[in-house]
C-alpha atoms as a PDB file:
ATOM      1  CA  MET A   1     116.163  96.004 114.248  1.00  0.00           C
ATOM      2  CA  ALA A   2     115.600  95.617 110.441  1.00  0.00           C
ATOM      3  CA  GLY A   3     114.083  99.108 109.959  1.00  0.00           C
ATOM      4  CA  LYS A   4     111.557 101.917 110.976  1.00  0.00           C
ATOM      5  CA  GLY A   5     107.902 101.581 108.868  1.00  0.00           C
ATOM      6  CA  ASN A   6     105.620  99.290 110.685  1.00  0.00           C
ATOM      7  CA  LYS A   7     104.763  96.787 113.519  1.00  0.00           C
ATOM      8  CA  ARG A   8     106.653  93.786 112.298  1.00  0.00           C
ATOM      9  CA  GLY A   9     110.223  95.857 111.403  1.00  0.00           C
ATOM     10  CA  ARG A  10     109.833  96.055 107.744  1.00  0.00           C
ATOM     11  CA  ARG A  11     110.328  98.984 105.740  1.00  0.00           C
ATOM     12  CA  ALA A  12     107.795 100.948 104.323  1.00  0.00           C
ATOM     13  CA  ASN A  13     107.164  99.829 100.584  1.00  0.00           C
ATOM     14  CA  PRO A  14     106.522 102.999  98.514  1.00  0.00           C
ATOM     15  CA  ALA A  15     105.608 100.310  95.522  1.00  0.00           C
ATOM     16  CA  SER A  16     102.619  98.729  97.903  1.00  0.00           C
ATOM     17  CA  ALA A  17     101.601 102.395  98.685  1.00  0.00           C
ATOM     18  CA  ASN A  18     101.066 103.273  95.110  1.00  0.00           C
ATOM     19  CA  ARG A  19      99.338 100.138  94.248  1.00  0.00           C
ATOM     20  CA  THR A  20      96.735 100.489  96.905  1.00  0.00           C
ATOM     21  CA  ALA A  21      96.178 104.239  95.970  1.00  0.00           C
ATOM     22  CA  ARG A  22      95.848 102.355  92.331  1.00  0.00           C
ATOM     23  CA  VAL A  23      93.353 100.172  93.453  1.00  0.00           C
ATOM     24  CA  GLY A  24      91.287 103.039  95.565  1.00  0.00           C
ATOM     25  CA  GLU A  25      90.610 104.441  92.357  1.00  0.00           C
ATOM     26  CA  LEU A  26      89.332 102.016  90.783  1.00  0.00           C
ATOM     27  CA  ILE A  27      87.078 101.093  93.463  1.00  0.00           C
ATOM     28  CA  LYS A  28      86.195 104.489  93.276  1.00  0.00           C
ATOM     29  CA  ARG A  29      85.414 104.460  89.810  1.00  0.00           C
ATOM     30  CA  ILE A  30      83.645 100.964  89.921  1.00  0.00           C
ATOM     31  CA  LEU A  31      81.678 102.399  92.957  1.00  0.00           C
ATOM     32  CA  ALA A  32      80.461 105.342  91.065  1.00  0.00           C
ATOM     33  CA  GLU A  33      79.384 103.637  87.953  1.00  0.00           C
ATOM     34  CA  GLU A  34      77.165 101.206  90.212  1.00  0.00           C
ATOM     35  CA  LEU A  35      75.800 104.306  92.089  1.00  0.00           C
ATOM     36  CA  GLU A  36      74.476 105.817  89.167  1.00  0.00           C
ATOM     37  CA  GLY A  37      72.157 102.889  88.327  1.00  0.00           C
ATOM     38  CA  PHE A  38      70.841 102.700  91.294  1.00  0.00           C
ATOM     39  CA  ASP A  39      67.044 104.459  91.490  1.00  0.00           C
ATOM     40  CA  ASP A  40      67.472 105.450  95.164  1.00  0.00           C
ATOM     41  CA  ASP A  41      66.413 108.916  96.191  1.00  0.00           C
ATOM     42  CA  ARG A  42      68.903 108.726  99.020  1.00  0.00           C
ATOM     43  CA  LEU A  43      71.868 108.491  96.407  1.00  0.00           C
ATOM     44  CA  THR A  44      71.047 111.279  93.834  1.00  0.00           C
ATOM     45  CA  LEU A  45      73.544 113.853  95.169  1.00  0.00           C
ATOM     46  CA  VAL A  46      76.063 111.597  96.493  1.00  0.00           C
ATOM     47  CA  SER A  47      79.804 112.287  95.582  1.00  0.00           C
ATOM     48  CA  LEU A  48      82.668 109.667  95.955  1.00  0.00           C
ATOM     49  CA  THR A  49      85.766 111.618  97.367  1.00  0.00           C
ATOM     50  CA  THR A  50      88.487 109.234  97.937  1.00  0.00           C
ATOM     51  CA  VAL A  51      88.782 105.176  98.844  1.00  0.00           C
ATOM     52  CA  ASP A  52      91.253 104.457 101.015  1.00  0.00           C
ATOM     53  CA  VAL A  53      92.442 100.661 100.872  1.00  0.00           C
ATOM     54  CA  ASP A  54      94.378  98.932 103.634  1.00  0.00           C
ATOM     55  CA  ARG A  55      97.770  97.152 102.430  1.00  0.00           C
ATOM     56  CA  GLU A  56      96.565  93.618 102.682  1.00  0.00           C
ATOM     57  CA  LEU A  57      93.248  94.787 100.874  1.00  0.00           C
ATOM     58  CA  HIS A  58      90.746  93.562 103.616  1.00  0.00           C
ATOM     59  CA  ARG A  59      89.044  96.979 103.978  1.00  0.00           C
ATOM     60  CA  ALA A  60      88.019  99.816 101.641  1.00  0.00           C
ATOM     61  CA  VAL A  61      86.847 103.072 103.361  1.00  0.00           C
ATOM     62  CA  CYS A  62      84.703 104.807 100.874  1.00  0.00           C
ATOM     63  CA  TRP A  63      84.224 108.593 101.542  1.00  0.00           C
ATOM     64  CA  PHE A  64      81.254 110.216 100.190  1.00  0.00           C
ATOM     65  CA  THR A  65      79.735 113.675 100.339  1.00  0.00           C
ATOM     66  CA  THR A  66      76.497 115.083  99.331  1.00  0.00           C
ATOM     67  CA  LEU A  67      75.347 118.358  97.534  1.00  0.00           C
ATOM     68  CA  ASP A  68      73.389 119.656 100.593  1.00  0.00           C
ATOM     69  CA  GLY A  69      75.440 118.423 103.371  1.00  0.00           C
ATOM     70  CA  GLU A  70      72.243 117.041 105.571  1.00  0.00           C
ATOM     71  CA  ASP A  71      71.538 114.032 104.422  1.00  0.00           C
ATOM     72  CA  ASP A  72      74.690 112.060 105.658  1.00  0.00           C
ATOM     73  CA  ASP A  73      72.557 109.642 107.687  1.00  0.00           C
ATOM     74  CA  ALA A  74      70.633 108.786 104.967  1.00  0.00           C
ATOM     75  CA  VAL A  75      73.188 108.193 102.348  1.00  0.00           C
ATOM     76  CA  ALA A  76      75.451 106.227 104.793  1.00  0.00           C
ATOM     77  CA  GLU A  77      72.562 103.880 105.538  1.00  0.00           C
ATOM     78  CA  ALA A  78      71.397 103.361 101.774  1.00  0.00           C
ATOM     79  CA  LEU A  79      75.206 102.580 101.168  1.00  0.00           C
ATOM     80  CA  HIS A  80      75.435 100.330 103.902  1.00  0.00           C
ATOM     81  CA  GLU A  81      72.032  98.722 102.501  1.00  0.00           C
ATOM     82  CA  TYR A  82      73.860  98.364  99.154  1.00  0.00           C
ATOM     83  CA  ARG A  83      76.945  97.367 100.285  1.00  0.00           C
ATOM     84  CA  GLY A  84      76.868  93.560  99.236  1.00  0.00           C
ATOM     85  CA  ARG A  85      75.924  94.666  95.878  1.00  0.00           C
ATOM     86  CA  LEU A  86      78.645  97.174  95.707  1.00  0.00           C
ATOM     87  CA  ARG A  87      81.174  94.618  96.864  1.00  0.00           C
ATOM     88  CA  LYS A  88      80.119  92.024  94.162  1.00  0.00           C
ATOM     89  CA  ALA A  89      80.530  95.093  91.338  1.00  0.00           C
ATOM     90  CA  VAL A  90      84.096  95.630  92.761  1.00  0.00           C
ATOM     91  CA  GLY A  91      84.888  91.685  92.847  1.00  0.00           C
ATOM     92  CA  SER A  92      83.952  91.094  89.475  1.00  0.00           C
ATOM     93  CA  GLN A  93      85.448  94.293  87.456  1.00  0.00           C
ATOM     94  CA  ALA A  94      88.427  94.817  89.576  1.00  0.00           C
ATOM     95  CA  ARG A  95      89.695  91.078  89.150  1.00  0.00           C
ATOM     96  CA  LEU A  96      91.602  91.323  92.267  1.00  0.00           C
ATOM     97  CA  ARG A  97      92.705  88.217  94.738  1.00  0.00           C
ATOM     98  CA  LYS A  98      90.692  89.674  97.605  1.00  0.00           C
ATOM     99  CA  THR A  99      87.645  91.858  97.173  1.00  0.00           C
ATOM    100  CA  PRO A 100      87.839  94.232 100.127  1.00  0.00           C
ATOM    101  CA  GLU A 101      85.372  94.588 102.947  1.00  0.00           C
ATOM    102  CA  LEU A 102      83.643  97.921 101.940  1.00  0.00           C
ATOM    103  CA  GLU A 103      83.082 100.820 104.931  1.00  0.00           C
ATOM    104  CA  PHE A 104      81.153 104.144 104.096  1.00  0.00           C
ATOM    105  CA  ARG A 105      82.176 107.446 105.733  1.00  0.00           C
ATOM    106  CA  ALA A 106      80.953 110.698 105.295  1.00  0.00           C
ATOM    107  CA  ASP A 107      83.490 113.286 104.261  1.00  0.00           C
ATOM    108  CA  ALA A 108      83.371 116.441 106.116  1.00  0.00           C
ATOM    109  CA  THR A 109      86.259 117.899 104.763  1.00  0.00           C
ATOM    110  CA  LEU A 110      84.901 120.033 101.881  1.00  0.00           C
ATOM    111  CA  ARG A 111      82.127 121.294 104.374  1.00  0.00           C
ATOM    112  CA  ALA A 112      84.620 122.311 106.462  1.00  0.00           C
ATOM    113  CA  ALA A 113      86.815 124.409 104.178  1.00  0.00           C
ATOM    114  CA  GLU A 114      83.519 125.887 103.063  1.00  0.00           C
ATOM    115  CA  ARG A 115      82.857 126.956 106.935  1.00  0.00           C
ATOM    116  CA  ILE A 116      86.694 128.278 107.411  1.00  0.00           C
ATOM    117  CA  GLU A 117      86.213 130.487 104.007  1.00  0.00           C
ATOM    118  CA  THR A 118      82.905 131.614 105.083  1.00  0.00           C
ATOM    119  CA  LEU A 119      84.202 132.726 108.280  1.00  0.00           C
ATOM    120  CA  LEU A 120      87.538 133.908 106.778  1.00  0.00           C
ATOM    121  CA  ARG A 121      85.096 136.161 104.369  1.00  0.00           C
ATOM    122  CA  SER A 122      82.896 137.276 107.458  1.00  0.00           C
ATOM    123  CA  ASP A 123      86.022 138.635 109.406  1.00  0.00           C
ATOM    124  CA  ASP A 124      85.265 142.498 110.093  1.00  0.00           C
ATOM    125  CA  ARG A 125      88.866 143.076 111.680  1.00  0.00           C
ATOM    126  CA  PRO A 126      90.903 145.532 109.778  1.00  0.00           C
ATOM    127  CA  PRO A 127      93.672 143.534 107.874  1.00  0.00           C
ATOM    128  CA  VAL A 128      96.904 143.397 109.664  1.00  0.00           C
ATOM    129  CA  PRO A 129      99.871 146.088 108.613  1.00  0.00           C
ATOM    130  CA  ASP A 130     102.830 144.494 106.727  1.00  0.00           C
ATOM    131  CA  LEU A 131     105.512 145.456 108.907  1.00  0.00           C
ATOM    132  CA  ASP A 132     108.153 144.342 106.219  1.00  0.00           C
ATOM    133  CA  ASP A 133     106.875 147.405 104.166  1.00  0.00           C
ATOM    134  CA  ASP A 134     108.502 150.446 105.506  1.00  0.00           C
END
């Protein structure tokens, strides 16, 4: 067997991972600029958190968050409606051989972290004594 890393027996290429990260950041910047120009109330408080691009540049998963966190479905619907226009902008500005299909998903990471912080702050139990301090 040639090595570990993927199904085809090839080793993972760090340069390829770096390239997809750079392409993801480029797509994120282009999409953010495009979204600023949209006159759609559903997209006023939307922020792109990250864009994950697969190695072959076939698909880019664009993670978004909203300020209030309650309109994720409406935002996802709006982004889906504008997907063709956004992909066209990426294709013309990124100068890639292939323009990836864009997929939009709500990023619940920030809200989950905030919820954990709130739970930790509201914990009324006394602190656990440090047994190392004698």
